Amino acid sequence: MKNINKLFFIIPLISLLFYSCKKDAVIDGGTSDPHVNMTTYDYLKSHPKGLFDTLIMIIDKGEMKDLINGKGTMFAPTDYSIKNFLALRQAQERKIDERRDFTLDTLFKRYTPKMLRDSMSVYLFQDNIIRDVLTETGKEFTSKLSNYKFLISLERHGNDDYNAGGLIPERPSFMYYTRVIGERDVLVSGQIKDPSGNANLLDQKYICQTTGILTTNGVLNVLVNSHSWISSLKLNVN
């Protein structure tokens, strides 16, 4: 029985810690059966800390409950990710007019239901993406939005800061969700760069803070809170 693997961020002493966690919390300690007797949508909606409340509003507005409950895997952005997106869009608006706001209401006025469905489809995959099928070099998966492919990898933590207290005997591995832009980035003199040297082509790579929740329709992995919603998707929205 596989544990639900999660990580806990502590700054500045520890950058990442690896945990196997209870199914009823995104960041927690202990172990439990990763199976939850509910659909992905119902799991997100019933989260005890309300971590996906805004996400559920977007799903409902886009009339995509059936899409979320389709077979396969979802990499779920949290409400923090949506808040990050709204802040970025507001900053763009205020470059034009400092009195402008960009709120969730603004989003719902400007995005059609189809655009909302497209925005969520980049987080959905036909495959069951669990840790056991991944490697450190990564495997490419096509999302349910046509032509949007992502590299999903399971990578060992790069240094020993995770074990500052001597509590974790083995170097942990984390799942990453990466939108490769152009060619895959490479490490050059200690820095991540696109092979072309163009900084605008840097890949968008995000760690998962929770992996391996098994709902009745598939797999749920949760992206780190610092992720910005639909950052890998370009929509023509004014």
C-alpha atoms as a PDB file:
ATOM      1  CA  MET A   1       0.000   0.000   0.000  1.00  0.00           C
ATOM      2  CA  LYS A   2       1.527   3.262  -1.136  1.00  0.00           C
ATOM      3  CA  ASN A   3       1.719   6.213   1.190  1.00  0.00           C
ATOM      4  CA  ILE A   4       0.567   9.666   0.190  1.00  0.00           C
ATOM      5  CA  ASN A   5       3.796  11.573  -0.066  1.00  0.00           C
ATOM      6  CA  LYS A   6       3.947  15.200   0.983  1.00  0.00           C
ATOM      7  CA  LEU A   7       6.452  17.858   1.815  1.00  0.00           C
ATOM      8  CA  PHE A   8       6.701  20.545   4.408  1.00  0.00           C
ATOM      9  CA  PHE A   9       8.502  23.825   3.782  1.00  0.00           C
ATOM     10  CA  ILE A  10      10.503  25.402   6.641  1.00  0.00           C
ATOM     11  CA  ILE A  11      12.390  28.668   6.018  1.00  0.00           C
ATOM     12  CA  PRO A  12      15.218  29.484   6.475  1.00  0.00           C
ATOM     13  CA  LEU A  13      16.714  26.477   8.258  1.00  0.00           C
ATOM     14  CA  ILE A  14      15.158  23.756   6.118  1.00  0.00           C
ATOM     15  CA  SER A  15      14.021  24.263   2.538  1.00  0.00           C
ATOM     16  CA  LEU A  16      12.141  21.031   2.048  1.00  0.00           C
ATOM     17  CA  LEU A  17      11.108  18.066   4.165  1.00  0.00           C
ATOM     18  CA  PHE A  18       9.573  14.883   2.870  1.00  0.00           C
ATOM     19  CA  TYR A  19       6.604  13.278   4.592  1.00  0.00           C
ATOM     20  CA  SER A  20       4.045  10.552   4.050  1.00  0.00           C
ATOM     21  CA  CYS A  21       0.826  12.157   5.099  1.00  0.00           C
ATOM     22  CA  LYS A  22      -2.761  11.639   6.095  1.00  0.00           C
ATOM     23  CA  LYS A  23      -5.317  11.914   3.344  1.00  0.00           C
ATOM     24  CA  ASP A  24      -7.297  14.635   5.092  1.00  0.00           C
ATOM     25  CA  ALA A  25      -4.573  17.296   5.064  1.00  0.00           C
ATOM     26  CA  VAL A  26      -2.193  18.632   2.452  1.00  0.00           C
ATOM     27  CA  ILE A  27       0.677  19.076   4.899  1.00  0.00           C
ATOM     28  CA  ASP A  28       0.722  16.642   7.787  1.00  0.00           C
ATOM     29  CA  GLY A  29       2.609  13.768   9.399  1.00  0.00           C
ATOM     30  CA  GLY A  30       1.972  10.053   9.614  1.00  0.00           C
ATOM     31  CA  THR A  31       0.750   7.540   7.050  1.00  0.00           C
ATOM     32  CA  SER A  32      -2.588   6.289   5.789  1.00  0.00           C
ATOM     33  CA  ASP A  33      -4.341   4.462   3.002  1.00  0.00           C
ATOM     34  CA  PRO A  34      -4.102   6.774  -0.046  1.00  0.00           C
ATOM     35  CA  HIS A  35      -7.555   5.729  -1.284  1.00  0.00           C
ATOM     36  CA  VAL A  36     -10.416   8.133  -0.676  1.00  0.00           C
ATOM     37  CA  ASN A  37     -13.957   6.962  -1.294  1.00  0.00           C
ATOM     38  CA  MET A  38     -15.014   9.991  -3.314  1.00  0.00           C
ATOM     39  CA  THR A  39     -14.455  11.571  -6.704  1.00  0.00           C
ATOM     40  CA  THR A  40     -11.690  14.084  -7.363  1.00  0.00           C
ATOM     41  CA  TYR A  41     -14.232  16.928  -7.457  1.00  0.00           C
ATOM     42  CA  ASP A  42     -15.794  15.893  -4.155  1.00  0.00           C
ATOM     43  CA  TYR A  43     -12.379  15.526  -2.520  1.00  0.00           C
ATOM     44  CA  LEU A  44     -11.381  19.045  -3.572  1.00  0.00           C
ATOM     45  CA  LYS A  45     -14.715  20.484  -2.477  1.00  0.00           C
ATOM     46  CA  SER A  46     -14.662  18.790   0.917  1.00  0.00           C
ATOM     47  CA  HIS A  47     -11.085  19.650   1.875  1.00  0.00           C
ATOM     48  CA  PRO A  48     -11.264  20.512   5.602  1.00  0.00           C
ATOM     49  CA  LYS A  49      -9.024  23.569   5.286  1.00  0.00           C
ATOM     50  CA  GLY A  50     -10.813  24.945   2.222  1.00  0.00           C
ATOM     51  CA  LEU A  51      -7.615  24.865   0.189  1.00  0.00           C
ATOM     52  CA  PHE A  52      -9.498  24.472  -3.100  1.00  0.00           C
ATOM     53  CA  ASP A  53     -12.609  26.615  -2.558  1.00  0.00           C
ATOM     54  CA  THR A  54     -11.739  29.147  -5.274  1.00  0.00           C
ATOM     55  CA  LEU A  55     -10.678  26.341  -7.606  1.00  0.00           C
ATOM     56  CA  ILE A  56     -14.106  24.749  -7.137  1.00  0.00           C
ATOM     57  CA  MET A  57     -15.749  28.087  -8.030  1.00  0.00           C
ATOM     58  CA  ILE A  58     -13.785  28.117 -11.300  1.00  0.00           C
ATOM     59  CA  ILE A  59     -14.699  24.491 -12.004  1.00  0.00           C
ATOM     60  CA  ASP A  60     -18.382  25.227 -11.374  1.00  0.00           C
ATOM     61  CA  LYS A  61     -18.333  28.419 -13.455  1.00  0.00           C
ATOM     62  CA  GLY A  62     -16.810  26.490 -16.342  1.00  0.00           C
ATOM     63  CA  GLU A  63     -19.349  23.674 -15.932  1.00  0.00           C
ATOM     64  CA  MET A  64     -16.535  21.129 -15.909  1.00  0.00           C
ATOM     65  CA  LYS A  65     -17.333  18.810 -13.030  1.00  0.00           C
ATOM     66  CA  ASP A  66     -17.488  15.870 -15.457  1.00  0.00           C
ATOM     67  CA  LEU A  67     -14.086  16.862 -16.851  1.00  0.00           C
ATOM     68  CA  ILE A  68     -12.521  16.906 -13.386  1.00  0.00           C
ATOM     69  CA  ASN A  69     -14.112  13.547 -12.609  1.00  0.00           C
ATOM     70  CA  GLY A  70     -12.826  11.925 -15.798  1.00  0.00           C
ATOM     71  CA  LYS A  71     -10.477   8.964 -15.631  1.00  0.00           C
ATOM     72  CA  GLY A  72      -6.803   9.788 -15.158  1.00  0.00           C
ATOM     73  CA  THR A  73      -4.717  12.257 -13.161  1.00  0.00           C
ATOM     74  CA  MET A  74      -5.183  15.816 -11.987  1.00  0.00           C
ATOM     75  CA  PHE A  75      -2.369  18.106 -10.866  1.00  0.00           C
ATOM     76  CA  ALA A  76      -4.443  20.437  -8.723  1.00  0.00           C
ATOM     77  CA  PRO A  77      -3.491  24.088  -8.233  1.00  0.00           C
ATOM     78  CA  THR A  78      -4.455  25.421  -4.806  1.00  0.00           C
ATOM     79  CA  ASP A  79      -6.300  28.654  -4.091  1.00  0.00           C
ATOM     80  CA  TYR A  80      -2.886  30.243  -3.478  1.00  0.00           C
ATOM     81  CA  SER A  81      -2.023  29.536  -7.126  1.00  0.00           C
ATOM     82  CA  ILE A  82      -5.161  31.317  -8.278  1.00  0.00           C
ATOM     83  CA  LYS A  83      -4.402  34.228  -5.947  1.00  0.00           C
ATOM     84  CA  ASN A  84      -0.924  34.438  -7.517  1.00  0.00           C
ATOM     85  CA  PHE A  85      -2.487  34.595 -10.979  1.00  0.00           C
ATOM     86  CA  LEU A  86      -4.933  37.340  -9.982  1.00  0.00           C
ATOM     87  CA  ALA A  87      -2.090  39.385  -8.474  1.00  0.00           C
ATOM     88  CA  LEU A  88      -0.049  39.081 -11.673  1.00  0.00           C
ATOM     89  CA  ARG A  89      -3.000  40.102 -13.835  1.00  0.00           C
ATOM     90  CA  GLN A  90      -3.772  43.060 -11.582  1.00  0.00           C
ATOM     91  CA  ALA A  91      -0.161  44.227 -11.848  1.00  0.00           C
ATOM     92  CA  GLN A  92      -0.513  44.113 -15.640  1.00  0.00           C
ATOM     93  CA  GLU A  93      -3.768  46.067 -15.502  1.00  0.00           C
ATOM     94  CA  ARG A  94      -2.276  48.761 -13.294  1.00  0.00           C
ATOM     95  CA  LYS A  95       0.520  49.388 -15.749  1.00  0.00           C
ATOM     96  CA  ILE A  96      -2.265  50.676 -17.989  1.00  0.00           C
ATOM     97  CA  ASP A  97      -4.394  52.345 -15.319  1.00  0.00           C
ATOM     98  CA  GLU A  98      -3.426  52.327 -11.646  1.00  0.00           C
ATOM     99  CA  ARG A  99      -7.094  52.355 -10.655  1.00  0.00           C
ATOM    100  CA  ARG A 100      -7.839  49.027 -12.283  1.00  0.00           C
ATOM    101  CA  ASP A 101      -8.360  45.814 -10.368  1.00  0.00           C
ATOM    102  CA  PHE A 102      -8.372  42.212 -11.512  1.00  0.00           C
ATOM    103  CA  THR A 103     -10.450  40.086  -9.174  1.00  0.00           C
ATOM    104  CA  LEU A 104     -12.178  36.743  -9.423  1.00  0.00           C
ATOM    105  CA  ASP A 105     -15.262  38.603 -10.659  1.00  0.00           C
ATOM    106  CA  THR A 106     -13.130  40.145 -13.405  1.00  0.00           C
ATOM    107  CA  LEU A 107     -11.897  36.695 -14.349  1.00  0.00           C
ATOM    108  CA  PHE A 108     -15.436  35.366 -14.656  1.00  0.00           C
ATOM    109  CA  LYS A 109     -16.470  38.340 -16.803  1.00  0.00           C
ATOM    110  CA  ARG A 110     -13.557  37.982 -19.224  1.00  0.00           C
ATOM    111  CA  TYR A 111     -13.143  34.219 -19.436  1.00  0.00           C
ATOM    112  CA  THR A 112     -15.770  32.213 -21.261  1.00  0.00           C
ATOM    113  CA  PRO A 113     -16.718  28.752 -19.929  1.00  0.00           C
ATOM    114  CA  LYS A 114     -14.633  27.213 -22.727  1.00  0.00           C
ATOM    115  CA  MET A 115     -11.602  29.245 -21.710  1.00  0.00           C
ATOM    116  CA  LEU A 116     -12.052  28.128 -18.117  1.00  0.00           C
ATOM    117  CA  ARG A 117     -12.268  24.507 -19.263  1.00  0.00           C
ATOM    118  CA  ASP A 118      -9.124  24.946 -21.349  1.00  0.00           C
ATOM    119  CA  SER A 119      -7.369  26.504 -18.367  1.00  0.00           C
ATOM    120  CA  MET A 120      -8.063  23.427 -16.267  1.00  0.00           C
ATOM    121  CA  SER A 121      -7.334  20.907 -19.025  1.00  0.00           C
ATOM    122  CA  VAL A 122      -3.587  21.564 -18.788  1.00  0.00           C
ATOM    123  CA  TYR A 123      -3.766  20.013 -15.319  1.00  0.00           C
ATOM    124  CA  LEU A 124      -5.580  16.872 -16.476  1.00  0.00           C
ATOM    125  CA  PHE A 125      -4.094  13.725 -18.015  1.00  0.00           C
ATOM    126  CA  GLN A 126      -5.550  10.452 -19.298  1.00  0.00           C
ATOM    127  CA  ASP A 127      -2.786   8.454 -17.596  1.00  0.00           C
ATOM    128  CA  ASN A 128      -2.587   7.458 -13.949  1.00  0.00           C
ATOM    129  CA  ILE A 129       0.575   9.348 -12.991  1.00  0.00           C
ATOM    130  CA  ILE A 130       1.980   7.958  -9.759  1.00  0.00           C
ATOM    131  CA  ARG A 131       5.491   7.856  -8.366  1.00  0.00           C
ATOM    132  CA  ASP A 132       6.063   4.227  -9.386  1.00  0.00           C
ATOM    133  CA  VAL A 133       5.871   5.026 -13.120  1.00  0.00           C
ATOM    134  CA  LEU A 134       8.302   7.972 -13.017  1.00  0.00           C
ATOM    135  CA  THR A 135      12.070   8.368 -13.305  1.00  0.00           C
ATOM    136  CA  GLU A 136      14.518  11.117 -12.449  1.00  0.00           C
ATOM    137  CA  THR A 137      14.951  12.051 -16.124  1.00  0.00           C
ATOM    138  CA  GLY A 138      11.195  12.331 -16.492  1.00  0.00           C
ATOM    139  CA  LYS A 139       8.486  11.063 -18.786  1.00  0.00           C
ATOM    140  CA  GLU A 140       6.429  13.133 -21.199  1.00  0.00           C
ATOM    141  CA  PHE A 141       2.647  13.152 -20.848  1.00  0.00           C
ATOM    142  CA  THR A 142       0.078  14.932 -23.012  1.00  0.00           C
ATOM    143  CA  SER A 143      -2.555  16.887 -21.127  1.00  0.00           C
ATOM    144  CA  LYS A 144      -6.231  16.865 -22.036  1.00  0.00           C
ATOM    145  CA  LEU A 145      -5.700  20.217 -23.752  1.00  0.00           C
ATOM    146  CA  SER A 146      -4.386  19.338 -27.206  1.00  0.00           C
ATOM    147  CA  ASN A 147      -0.706  19.992 -27.936  1.00  0.00           C
ATOM    148  CA  TYR A 148       0.181  20.780 -24.327  1.00  0.00           C
ATOM    149  CA  LYS A 149       2.759  18.272 -23.170  1.00  0.00           C
ATOM    150  CA  PHE A 150       4.411  18.130 -19.776  1.00  0.00           C
ATOM    151  CA  LEU A 151       7.472  16.411 -18.390  1.00  0.00           C
ATOM    152  CA  ILE A 152       6.683  14.668 -15.114  1.00  0.00           C
ATOM    153  CA  SER A 153       9.691  13.514 -13.110  1.00  0.00           C
ATOM    154  CA  LEU A 154      10.615  12.054  -9.735  1.00  0.00           C
ATOM    155  CA  GLU A 155      13.838  13.712  -8.608  1.00  0.00           C
ATOM    156  CA  ARG A 156      15.979  13.254  -5.530  1.00  0.00           C
ATOM    157  CA  HIS A 157      16.444  16.280  -3.323  1.00  0.00           C
ATOM    158  CA  GLY A 158      19.717  17.911  -4.330  1.00  0.00           C
ATOM    159  CA  ASN A 159      21.431  18.474  -0.964  1.00  0.00           C
ATOM    160  CA  ASP A 160      21.320  17.518   2.699  1.00  0.00           C
ATOM    161  CA  ASP A 161      19.365  20.474   4.101  1.00  0.00           C
ATOM    162  CA  TYR A 162      16.279  18.263   4.381  1.00  0.00           C
ATOM    163  CA  ASN A 163      17.974  16.336   7.191  1.00  0.00           C
ATOM    164  CA  ALA A 164      19.098  19.178   9.450  1.00  0.00           C
ATOM    165  CA  GLY A 165      17.598  17.453  12.466  1.00  0.00           C
ATOM    166  CA  GLY A 166      18.859  13.992  11.578  1.00  0.00           C
ATOM    167  CA  LEU A 167      15.307  12.632  11.445  1.00  0.00           C
ATOM    168  CA  ILE A 168      15.133  11.450   7.827  1.00  0.00           C
ATOM    169  CA  PRO A 169      17.642   8.685   6.984  1.00  0.00           C
ATOM    170  CA  GLU A 170      17.124   8.632   3.211  1.00  0.00           C
ATOM    171  CA  ARG A 171      17.315  11.480   0.708  1.00  0.00           C
ATOM    172  CA  PRO A 172      13.713  12.137  -0.411  1.00  0.00           C
ATOM    173  CA  SER A 173      12.437  12.258  -3.980  1.00  0.00           C
ATOM    174  CA  PHE A 174       9.873  14.776  -5.183  1.00  0.00           C
ATOM    175  CA  MET A 175       7.487  14.799  -8.123  1.00  0.00           C
ATOM    176  CA  TYR A 176       7.826  17.697 -10.575  1.00  0.00           C
ATOM    177  CA  TYR A 177       5.348  19.028 -13.147  1.00  0.00           C
ATOM    178  CA  THR A 178       7.266  20.781 -15.939  1.00  0.00           C
ATOM    179  CA  ARG A 179       6.099  22.616 -19.040  1.00  0.00           C
ATOM    180  CA  VAL A 180       9.062  22.359 -21.426  1.00  0.00           C
ATOM    181  CA  ILE A 181       9.351  25.498 -23.556  1.00  0.00           C
ATOM    182  CA  GLY A 182      11.517  25.018 -26.623  1.00  0.00           C
ATOM    183  CA  GLU A 183      14.162  22.518 -25.550  1.00  0.00           C
ATOM    184  CA  ARG A 184      14.549  21.107 -22.074  1.00  0.00           C
ATOM    185  CA  ASP A 185      16.631  23.329 -19.788  1.00  0.00           C
ATOM    186  CA  VAL A 186      20.164  22.303 -18.881  1.00  0.00           C
ATOM    187  CA  LEU A 187      22.477  23.024 -15.951  1.00  0.00           C
ATOM    188  CA  VAL A 188      25.353  25.320 -16.987  1.00  0.00           C
ATOM    189  CA  SER A 189      27.940  26.385 -14.393  1.00  0.00           C
ATOM    190  CA  GLY A 190      25.449  25.867 -11.606  1.00  0.00           C
ATOM    191  CA  GLN A 191      22.634  27.759 -13.351  1.00  0.00           C
ATOM    192  CA  ILE A 192      19.538  26.448 -15.131  1.00  0.00           C
ATOM    193  CA  LYS A 193      19.427  27.747 -18.718  1.00  0.00           C
ATOM    194  CA  ASP A 194      17.618  27.068 -21.965  1.00  0.00           C
ATOM    195  CA  PRO A 195      20.039  25.576 -24.541  1.00  0.00           C
ATOM    196  CA  SER A 196      19.348  28.578 -26.795  1.00  0.00           C
ATOM    197  CA  GLY A 197      20.440  31.005 -24.083  1.00  0.00           C
ATOM    198  CA  ASN A 198      17.078  32.784 -24.329  1.00  0.00           C
ATOM    199  CA  ALA A 199      15.774  33.471 -20.821  1.00  0.00           C
ATOM    200  CA  ASN A 200      12.224  33.707 -22.195  1.00  0.00           C
ATOM    201  CA  LEU A 201      12.398  30.003 -23.044  1.00  0.00           C
ATOM    202  CA  LEU A 202      13.091  28.783 -19.526  1.00  0.00           C
ATOM    203  CA  ASP A 203      10.929  25.805 -18.626  1.00  0.00           C
ATOM    204  CA  GLN A 204       8.169  26.218 -16.053  1.00  0.00           C
ATOM    205  CA  LYS A 205       8.895  23.643 -13.375  1.00  0.00           C
ATOM    206  CA  TYR A 206       6.880  23.136 -10.213  1.00  0.00           C
ATOM    207  CA  ILE A 207       7.193  20.689  -7.367  1.00  0.00           C
ATOM    208  CA  CYS A 208       4.193  18.783  -6.040  1.00  0.00           C
ATOM    209  CA  GLN A 209       3.448  19.267  -2.357  1.00  0.00           C
ATOM    210  CA  THR A 210       1.161  16.222  -2.295  1.00  0.00           C
ATOM    211  CA  THR A 211       1.223  13.100  -4.463  1.00  0.00           C
ATOM    212  CA  GLY A 212      -0.683   9.873  -4.765  1.00  0.00           C
ATOM    213  CA  ILE A 213      -4.200  10.576  -3.523  1.00  0.00           C
ATOM    214  CA  LEU A 214      -6.306   7.855  -5.164  1.00  0.00           C
ATOM    215  CA  THR A 215      -9.883   8.996  -5.743  1.00  0.00           C
ATOM    216  CA  THR A 216     -12.657   6.878  -7.218  1.00  0.00           C
ATOM    217  CA  ASN A 217     -11.899   8.195 -10.706  1.00  0.00           C
ATOM    218  CA  GLY A 218      -8.118   8.485 -10.698  1.00  0.00           C
ATOM    219  CA  VAL A 219      -5.058  10.116  -9.163  1.00  0.00           C
ATOM    220  CA  LEU A 220      -4.775  13.516  -7.516  1.00  0.00           C
ATOM    221  CA  ASN A 221      -1.445  15.319  -7.096  1.00  0.00           C
ATOM    222  CA  VAL A 222      -1.315  18.839  -5.626  1.00  0.00           C
ATOM    223  CA  LEU A 223       1.032  21.539  -6.919  1.00  0.00           C
ATOM    224  CA  VAL A 224       3.078  23.757  -4.630  1.00  0.00           C
ATOM    225  CA  ASN A 225       1.350  26.954  -3.477  1.00  0.00           C
ATOM    226  CA  SER A 226       3.896  29.184  -5.259  1.00  0.00           C
ATOM    227  CA  HIS A 227       2.686  27.938  -8.644  1.00  0.00           C
ATOM    228  CA  SER A 228       0.731  30.534 -10.603  1.00  0.00           C
ATOM    229  CA  TRP A 229      -2.494  29.196 -12.115  1.00  0.00           C
ATOM    230  CA  ILE A 230      -2.387  28.623 -15.899  1.00  0.00           C
ATOM    231  CA  SER A 231       1.154  30.013 -16.099  1.00  0.00           C
ATOM    232  CA  SER A 232       1.881  27.517 -18.896  1.00  0.00           C
ATOM    233  CA  LEU A 233      -1.220  28.441 -20.912  1.00  0.00           C
ATOM    234  CA  LYS A 234      -1.522  31.383 -23.259  1.00  0.00           C
ATOM    235  CA  LEU A 235      -5.079  32.637 -23.712  1.00  0.00           C
ATOM    236  CA  ASN A 236      -6.132  35.627 -25.781  1.00  0.00           C
ATOM    237  CA  VAL A 237      -7.796  37.619 -23.017  1.00  0.00           C
ATOM    238  CA  ASN A 238      -7.960  41.408 -22.836  1.00  0.00           C
END
